[in-house]
Amino acid sequence: MKHVEIISGGSLPNIPWQEKPEQVGKIPIWRYTENPVIDRNPLPGVARIFNSAVLPYEDGFIGVFRGEQINGIPYIYLGRSKDGIHWDYEPDKIRFVDENGKDFAPVYAYDPRLVEIEGVYYIIWCGDFYGASIGMAKTTDFKTFTRIENPFIPFNRNAVLFPRKINGNFALLSRPSDSGHTPFGDVFLSESPDMTYWGKHRHVMGKGSEWWESVKVGSGAAPIETSEGWLLFYHGVSGTCNGFVYSMGGAILDIDNPSIVKYRCETFLLTPEEWYEERGFVPNVIFPCAALTDKDTGRVAVYYGAADSYVGLAFTYMDEIVDYIKNNSVVTEADTEIGIR
């Protein structure tokens, strides 16, 4: 009998799924044996798709994909799928417009997230706002994509919206950074009454004391509302003599005040081990960007970018992953405080 209730999202009987293999290690999460689900050169003009986000839509799934074009510039492409594994992509990158319907293309756009709030779908990405910052757009039909105000000035990355308002406000996680490939980074929470003006900034969590997240952390998939709190799959980064290594971690945030970390797993949940995670354009990267859930079975499917070259899938059960995070939790004062100084 399930003891952790999935509150955000409903029944999803067609969730991508593969049963747990007989041999699973201590950590209750397993990779899809047919990974990667998206390989190189997925459509004409695009060399690689990775770090992308997926949601249920109509009778299947819809996704926004980081497409690294053959000129090297990243952009966002739209794709549809019946099973969440095999994808058909629109051949042209998403056309963004302003409030008047005029073309308003970002200079570049990468690492998109996709979140539905009250019938509106929001795409959040990192782009150029005279420096790396957060870009946002909205759609109700996946035909017209209207840009909305950038929430912050540079420099900022890894933004993701919560899937509902909290205490009447939209809530957004992000990671302030610098102009380079940031050798530091903490996750912050911000609120907005209207998706235009953002404030009430609060610190959520910083880099961990463990090696696998000792350089920086960043939010990943949209937080999942559960009876234990907001489940957050995030990435943690370590430094080695051969560069950064990106792993996936898990934390549970307070349901009413998500700047408070209730539980934070001391160990990674996934770290690069398979060839498609260790070998690619940027080696040794697991970068979660989306998670699907089925309320009835407790199934969870996590999409992650692998080595900046592929998309992989991993599976778990909500009960098992929440129990693992709680049983292996180590939190600090900076995690559990309200996040304002």
Protein backbone atom coordinates (compact mmCIF):
# COMPACT_ATOMS: atom_id res chain seq x y z
CA MET A 1 0.00 0.00 0.00
CA LYS A 2 1.33 3.43 -1.00
CA HIS A 3 2.17 5.74 1.91
CA VAL A 4 3.40 8.80 -0.03
CA GLU A 5 0.59 10.49 -1.94
CA ILE A 6 1.33 12.25 -5.24
CA ILE A 7 -0.71 15.46 -5.11
CA SER A 8 0.44 17.30 -8.24
CA GLY A 9 -0.65 15.50 -11.38
CA GLY A 10 -3.31 12.83 -11.68
CA SER A 11 -3.59 9.41 -13.22
CA LEU A 12 -1.14 8.72 -16.03
CA PRO A 13 -1.67 5.09 -17.08
CA ASN A 14 0.50 5.54 -20.19
CA ILE A 15 3.53 6.83 -18.25
CA PRO A 16 6.77 5.55 -19.81
CA TRP A 17 7.76 2.58 -17.69
CA GLN A 18 10.00 -0.42 -17.32
CA GLU A 19 9.69 -2.72 -14.33
CA LYS A 20 12.43 -2.80 -11.75
CA PRO A 21 15.13 -5.32 -12.63
CA GLU A 22 15.96 -8.06 -10.17
CA GLN A 23 19.36 -6.57 -9.45
CA VAL A 24 19.12 -2.96 -8.23
CA GLY A 25 21.69 -1.41 -5.94
CA LYS A 26 21.03 0.39 -2.69
CA ILE A 27 19.48 3.36 -4.47
CA PRO A 28 15.91 2.56 -5.66
CA ILE A 29 16.17 4.06 -9.16
CA TRP A 30 16.95 2.26 -12.40
CA ARG A 31 17.78 3.26 -15.94
CA TYR A 32 15.73 2.35 -19.00
CA THR A 33 17.57 -0.49 -20.69
CA GLU A 34 16.98 1.05 -24.13
CA ASN A 35 18.68 4.35 -23.25
CA PRO A 36 19.39 6.73 -24.77
CA VAL A 37 15.84 7.46 -25.87
CA ILE A 38 17.07 10.35 -28.03
CA ASP A 39 20.29 9.82 -29.98
CA ARG A 40 22.53 12.14 -31.96
CA ASN A 41 21.38 13.92 -35.16
CA PRO A 42 17.68 13.56 -34.26
CA LEU A 43 16.43 15.82 -37.06
CA PRO A 44 17.90 17.78 -39.97
CA GLY A 45 19.94 20.75 -38.82
CA VAL A 46 20.19 19.54 -35.21
CA ALA A 47 23.28 17.66 -34.05
CA ARG A 48 22.15 16.80 -30.52
CA ILE A 49 19.09 16.98 -28.28
CA PHE A 50 19.56 16.89 -24.50
CA ASN A 51 18.50 18.70 -21.28
CA SER A 52 14.84 18.76 -22.33
CA ALA A 53 11.42 18.75 -20.65
CA VAL A 54 8.26 16.69 -21.15
CA LEU A 55 4.63 16.85 -19.98
CA PRO A 56 1.46 14.81 -20.59
CA TYR A 57 -0.66 16.45 -23.28
CA GLU A 58 -3.91 15.32 -24.92
CA ASP A 59 -3.62 11.55 -25.44
CA GLY A 60 0.19 11.49 -25.34
CA PHE A 61 3.12 13.71 -24.44
CA ILE A 62 4.62 16.98 -25.56
CA GLY A 63 8.15 18.20 -25.06
CA VAL A 64 10.40 21.21 -25.44
CA PHE A 65 13.87 20.16 -26.48
CA ARG A 66 17.29 21.75 -26.35
CA GLY A 67 18.38 21.33 -29.94
CA GLU A 68 22.03 22.06 -30.55
CA GLN A 69 21.94 23.29 -34.14
CA ILE A 70 24.69 22.36 -36.57
CA ASN A 71 25.95 25.97 -36.35
CA GLY A 72 26.57 25.31 -32.65
CA ILE A 73 23.83 27.63 -31.37
CA PRO A 74 21.27 26.04 -29.02
CA TYR A 75 17.57 26.63 -29.54
CA ILE A 76 14.26 25.11 -28.49
CA TYR A 77 12.32 22.65 -30.61
CA LEU A 78 8.87 21.15 -30.09
CA GLY A 79 8.17 17.43 -30.15
CA ARG A 80 5.22 15.08 -29.65
CA SER A 81 5.02 11.45 -28.64
CA LYS A 82 2.42 8.77 -28.02
CA ASP A 83 4.52 6.87 -25.50
CA GLY A 84 7.02 9.42 -24.12
CA ILE A 85 9.89 7.47 -25.70
CA HIS A 86 9.59 7.79 -29.49
CA TRP A 87 9.38 11.40 -30.62
CA ASP A 88 8.28 13.33 -33.69
CA TYR A 89 9.79 16.80 -33.86
CA GLU A 90 8.62 19.89 -35.65
CA PRO A 91 11.34 20.62 -38.21
CA ASP A 92 11.70 24.31 -37.35
CA LYS A 93 12.68 25.79 -34.01
CA ILE A 94 9.89 27.30 -31.95
CA ARG A 95 8.75 30.70 -33.17
CA PHE A 96 8.44 33.08 -30.23
CA VAL A 97 6.44 36.30 -30.51
CA ASP A 98 5.84 39.36 -28.35
CA GLU A 99 2.48 40.40 -26.89
CA ASN A 100 1.59 41.99 -30.24
CA GLY A 101 2.29 38.84 -32.21
CA LYS A 102 5.54 40.09 -33.75
CA ASP A 103 8.59 37.84 -34.01
CA PHE A 104 10.66 38.00 -30.83
CA ALA A 105 13.34 35.33 -31.10
CA PRO A 106 15.90 34.88 -28.35
CA VAL A 107 19.55 35.06 -29.39
CA TYR A 108 19.93 31.53 -28.08
CA ALA A 109 17.97 29.32 -25.72
CA TYR A 110 18.93 26.19 -23.83
CA ASP A 111 17.99 23.81 -20.99
CA PRO A 112 14.22 24.42 -21.19
CA ARG A 113 11.73 23.40 -18.53
CA LEU A 114 8.00 23.03 -19.16
CA VAL A 115 5.38 23.58 -16.46
CA GLU A 116 1.57 23.81 -16.60
CA ILE A 117 -0.16 26.18 -14.16
CA GLU A 118 -3.92 26.74 -14.27
CA GLY A 119 -4.21 25.74 -17.93
CA VAL A 120 -1.25 27.80 -19.15
CA TYR A 121 1.99 26.14 -20.22
CA TYR A 122 5.18 28.00 -19.38
CA ILE A 123 8.55 27.39 -21.02
CA ILE A 124 11.54 28.56 -19.02
CA TRP A 125 15.07 28.57 -20.46
CA CYS A 126 18.47 30.16 -20.20
CA GLY A 127 19.16 32.76 -22.87
CA ASP A 128 20.94 36.02 -23.58
CA PHE A 129 19.66 39.14 -21.80
CA TYR A 130 22.92 41.03 -22.23
CA GLY A 131 24.41 38.09 -20.37
CA ALA A 132 23.12 34.68 -19.37
CA SER A 133 19.72 35.00 -17.77
CA ILE A 134 16.25 33.46 -17.64
CA GLY A 135 13.86 33.63 -20.59
CA MET A 136 10.18 32.75 -20.36
CA ALA A 137 7.22 32.23 -22.68
CA LYS A 138 3.65 30.96 -22.40
CA THR A 139 1.23 29.03 -24.57
CA THR A 140 -2.19 27.46 -24.25
CA ASP A 141 -2.19 25.52 -27.54
CA PHE A 142 1.47 24.86 -28.45
CA LYS A 143 0.90 26.85 -31.61
CA THR A 144 1.53 30.41 -30.40
CA PHE A 145 4.39 31.02 -27.95
CA THR A 146 4.34 34.47 -26.39
CA ARG A 147 7.42 35.80 -24.65
CA ILE A 148 6.87 37.30 -21.22
CA GLU A 149 9.15 39.49 -19.15
CA ASN A 150 12.52 38.11 -18.11
CA PRO A 151 12.24 37.58 -14.35
CA PHE A 152 15.81 38.61 -13.48
CA ILE A 153 18.79 40.56 -14.75
CA PRO A 154 21.98 38.62 -15.57
CA PHE A 155 23.44 36.38 -14.43
CA ASN A 156 21.12 33.48 -13.68
CA ARG A 157 20.44 29.92 -14.85
CA ASN A 158 18.49 26.74 -14.07
CA ALA A 159 15.09 28.27 -13.42
CA VAL A 160 11.98 26.15 -12.90
CA LEU A 161 8.45 27.06 -11.84
CA PHE A 162 6.45 25.22 -9.21
CA PRO A 163 3.34 23.66 -10.82
CA ARG A 164 0.91 25.71 -8.74
CA LYS A 165 0.79 28.99 -6.87
CA ILE A 166 2.00 28.95 -3.27
CA ASN A 167 0.29 31.31 -0.84
CA GLY A 168 -1.28 33.06 -3.82
CA ASN A 169 1.96 33.69 -5.72
CA PHE A 170 3.84 32.02 -8.54
CA ALA A 171 7.05 30.47 -7.22
CA LEU A 172 10.32 30.02 -9.11
CA LEU A 173 13.59 28.31 -8.30
CA SER A 174 16.76 29.65 -9.92
CA ARG A 175 20.52 29.74 -9.50
CA PRO A 176 22.26 33.13 -9.61
CA SER A 177 25.60 32.79 -11.33
CA ASP A 178 28.35 34.77 -13.02
CA SER A 179 29.26 35.39 -16.65
CA GLY A 180 31.28 32.20 -17.05
CA HIS A 181 30.68 28.50 -16.51
CA THR A 182 29.95 29.19 -12.87
CA PRO A 183 32.32 27.52 -10.41
CA PHE A 184 29.76 28.10 -7.65
CA GLY A 185 26.00 28.29 -7.23
CA ASP A 186 23.15 28.05 -4.72
CA VAL A 187 19.44 27.55 -5.36
CA PHE A 188 17.10 30.45 -4.51
CA LEU A 189 13.32 30.82 -4.38
CA SER A 190 11.47 33.87 -5.75
CA GLU A 191 7.79 34.83 -5.80
CA SER A 192 5.58 36.84 -8.14
CA PRO A 193 1.90 37.85 -8.07
CA ASP A 194 1.73 38.24 -11.85
CA MET A 195 4.75 36.58 -13.56
CA THR A 196 6.16 40.07 -14.17
CA TYR A 197 7.46 41.39 -10.87
CA TRP A 198 9.58 39.03 -8.81
CA GLY A 199 10.66 39.41 -5.20
CA LYS A 200 10.63 37.86 -1.73
CA HIS A 201 13.86 36.10 -2.66
CA ARG A 202 14.89 33.31 -0.29
CA HIS A 203 17.89 31.01 -0.16
CA VAL A 204 16.93 27.34 -0.50
CA MET A 205 20.15 25.36 -0.46
CA GLY A 206 23.80 25.60 -1.34
CA LYS A 207 26.46 23.18 -2.44
CA GLY A 208 26.83 20.12 -0.26
CA SER A 209 29.69 18.90 1.88
CA GLU A 210 29.77 15.61 -0.04
CA TRP A 211 32.11 15.31 -3.02
CA TRP A 212 29.38 14.73 -5.62
CA GLU A 213 27.82 18.20 -5.05
CA SER A 214 30.77 20.11 -3.61
CA VAL A 215 31.03 22.76 -6.37
CA LYS A 216 27.45 23.86 -7.06
CA VAL A 217 23.84 22.72 -7.27
CA GLY A 218 20.94 23.63 -9.53
CA SER A 219 17.24 22.85 -9.72
CA GLY A 220 16.23 20.22 -12.25
CA ALA A 221 12.75 18.84 -12.84
CA ALA A 222 9.73 20.86 -11.75
CA PRO A 223 9.04 20.13 -8.05
CA ILE A 224 6.52 17.34 -7.47
CA GLU A 225 3.89 17.98 -4.80
CA THR A 226 3.56 15.04 -2.40
CA SER A 227 2.16 14.40 1.05
CA GLU A 228 5.75 14.66 2.38
CA GLY A 229 6.47 18.01 0.70
CA TRP A 230 7.86 19.12 -2.67
CA LEU A 231 10.10 16.44 -4.14
CA LEU A 232 12.95 18.08 -6.06
CA PHE A 233 15.27 16.21 -8.39
CA TYR A 234 18.28 18.48 -8.84
CA HIS A 235 21.83 18.33 -10.14
CA GLY A 236 24.97 18.50 -8.06
CA VAL A 237 28.41 19.18 -9.49
CA SER A 238 31.82 18.00 -8.37
CA GLY A 239 35.24 19.07 -9.59
CA THR A 240 37.87 16.63 -10.75
CA CYS A 241 41.31 16.89 -12.36
CA ASN A 242 39.51 16.25 -15.65
CA GLY A 243 36.62 18.71 -15.28
CA PHE A 244 33.16 18.83 -13.75
CA VAL A 245 30.95 15.80 -13.06
CA TYR A 246 27.16 16.29 -12.90
CA SER A 247 25.04 13.90 -10.83
CA MET A 248 21.36 13.82 -9.83
CA GLY A 249 20.32 14.40 -6.24
CA GLY A 250 17.04 14.52 -4.35
CA ALA A 251 15.54 16.80 -1.70
CA ILE A 252 12.13 17.41 -0.14
CA LEU A 253 11.04 21.01 0.46
CA ASP A 254 8.42 22.28 2.87
CA ILE A 255 5.00 22.34 1.21
CA ASP A 256 4.01 25.84 2.36
CA ASN A 257 7.44 27.44 2.53
CA PRO A 258 9.72 25.71 0.02
CA SER A 259 12.76 27.76 1.03
CA ILE A 260 12.95 25.29 3.93
CA VAL A 261 14.60 21.96 3.08
CA LYS A 262 13.06 19.17 5.15
CA TYR A 263 15.21 16.35 3.79
CA ARG A 264 18.26 16.29 1.54
CA CYS A 265 19.82 13.06 0.40
CA GLU A 266 23.46 12.71 1.35
CA THR A 267 24.20 10.48 -1.64
CA PHE A 268 23.55 11.03 -5.31
CA LEU A 269 20.58 9.24 -6.89
CA LEU A 270 22.29 8.81 -10.27
CA THR A 271 25.86 9.55 -11.33
CA PRO A 272 27.50 9.01 -14.73
CA GLU A 273 28.18 5.30 -15.19
CA GLU A 274 26.84 4.31 -18.60
CA TRP A 275 28.63 5.07 -21.88
CA TYR A 276 26.04 7.65 -22.96
CA GLU A 277 26.52 9.52 -19.66
CA GLU A 278 30.31 9.31 -19.54
CA ARG A 279 31.08 9.87 -23.22
CA GLY A 280 29.76 12.73 -25.31
CA PHE A 281 30.13 16.38 -26.25
CA VAL A 282 30.50 17.20 -22.54
CA PRO A 283 31.44 13.98 -20.74
CA ASN A 284 30.22 12.87 -17.31
CA VAL A 285 26.89 14.67 -17.14
CA ILE A 286 23.49 13.62 -15.76
CA PHE A 287 21.17 16.63 -15.89
CA PRO A 288 17.51 16.07 -14.84
CA CYS A 289 14.96 18.37 -16.46
CA ALA A 290 11.56 16.66 -16.17
CA ALA A 291 9.68 14.01 -14.22
CA LEU A 292 6.34 12.34 -14.93
CA THR A 293 4.23 10.73 -12.21
CA ASP A 294 1.24 8.41 -12.03
CA LYS A 295 -0.86 9.04 -8.95
CA ASP A 296 -2.47 5.59 -9.02
CA THR A 297 0.66 3.43 -9.09
CA GLY A 298 3.25 5.80 -7.59
CA ARG A 299 5.41 5.42 -10.67
CA VAL A 300 7.93 8.16 -11.48
CA ALA A 301 9.79 8.58 -14.79
CA VAL A 302 12.70 11.03 -14.85
CA TYR A 303 14.09 12.51 -18.06
CA TYR A 304 17.70 13.62 -17.97
CA GLY A 305 20.30 14.98 -20.34
CA ALA A 306 23.34 12.73 -20.74
CA ALA A 307 26.82 14.04 -21.64
CA ASP A 308 25.26 17.02 -23.48
CA SER A 309 24.53 14.58 -26.30
CA TYR A 310 21.56 12.35 -25.44
CA VAL A 311 18.36 12.04 -23.42
CA GLY A 312 17.97 9.21 -20.93
CA LEU A 313 15.11 7.86 -18.84
CA ALA A 314 15.19 6.49 -15.30
CA PHE A 315 12.41 5.05 -13.18
CA THR A 316 11.46 4.80 -9.52
CA TYR A 317 8.47 4.49 -7.22
CA MET A 318 7.46 7.51 -5.16
CA ASP A 319 7.36 5.55 -1.88
CA GLU A 320 10.79 4.10 -2.43
CA ILE A 321 12.58 7.27 -3.52
CA VAL A 322 11.04 9.41 -0.78
CA ASP A 323 11.95 6.81 1.84
CA TYR A 324 15.50 6.65 0.52
CA ILE A 325 15.89 10.44 0.63
CA LYS A 326 14.50 10.61 4.17
CA ASN A 327 16.57 7.68 5.45
CA ASN A 328 19.77 9.15 4.00
CA SER A 329 19.08 12.80 4.75
CA VAL A 330 21.65 15.25 6.07
CA VAL A 331 20.57 18.88 6.34
CA THR A 332 22.42 21.95 7.55
CA GLU A 333 21.26 25.12 9.24
CA ALA A 334 21.42 26.88 5.85
CA ASP A 335 19.02 24.25 4.48
CA THR A 336 16.45 24.40 7.25
CA GLU A 337 16.36 28.13 7.92
CA ILE A 338 13.79 30.31 6.19
CA GLY A 339 16.43 31.64 3.80
CA ILE A 340 16.47 35.37 4.53
CA ARG A 341 19.25 37.36 6.21
